[in-house]
């Protein structure tokens, strides 16, 4: 019975993981861990959470990409000279920071800045999906290992 109930949690896991990768302050690890402990497939659970979180990050990247000019000029009040300097610095090493997009608090703004700085979609996908997949894999493994240790 628990496995059936856990299987019904894939859609909520996807939605919460998606929202957690936007600027909405949510966490999805608790649901992933509880699903793994209750018997859902480890690969399926990690895949659903990673896909939702990645697509949420893409949404944030798109906001930066298409709303970047507004954010830079009106919200952050950065002039063109400072923007060009930031773009040059970011183009050298900044896109590598997207590997840290899984981190709480700073991860979502990194995706936003990636869009504002026009990081290419393929590069964005490689770094962000790698980081998120590794994070959810680690959470699932720790949940499964912890469950085995407790029992």
Foldseek 3Di string as FASTA:
>chain_A
DLLVVLVVCLVVLLQQLLCCLAPPPGDNLVSLLVSLLSPYDLVSSLVSSLVSNLNSLVVLLVCLQVVVVCCCCPVVNHDPVVVVVVLVVCVVPVLLCQLVLPDPPVNNVSSSVCSNSVPDPVSSCVNNSNNSSVVSSVSSVCSNVVSVVVD
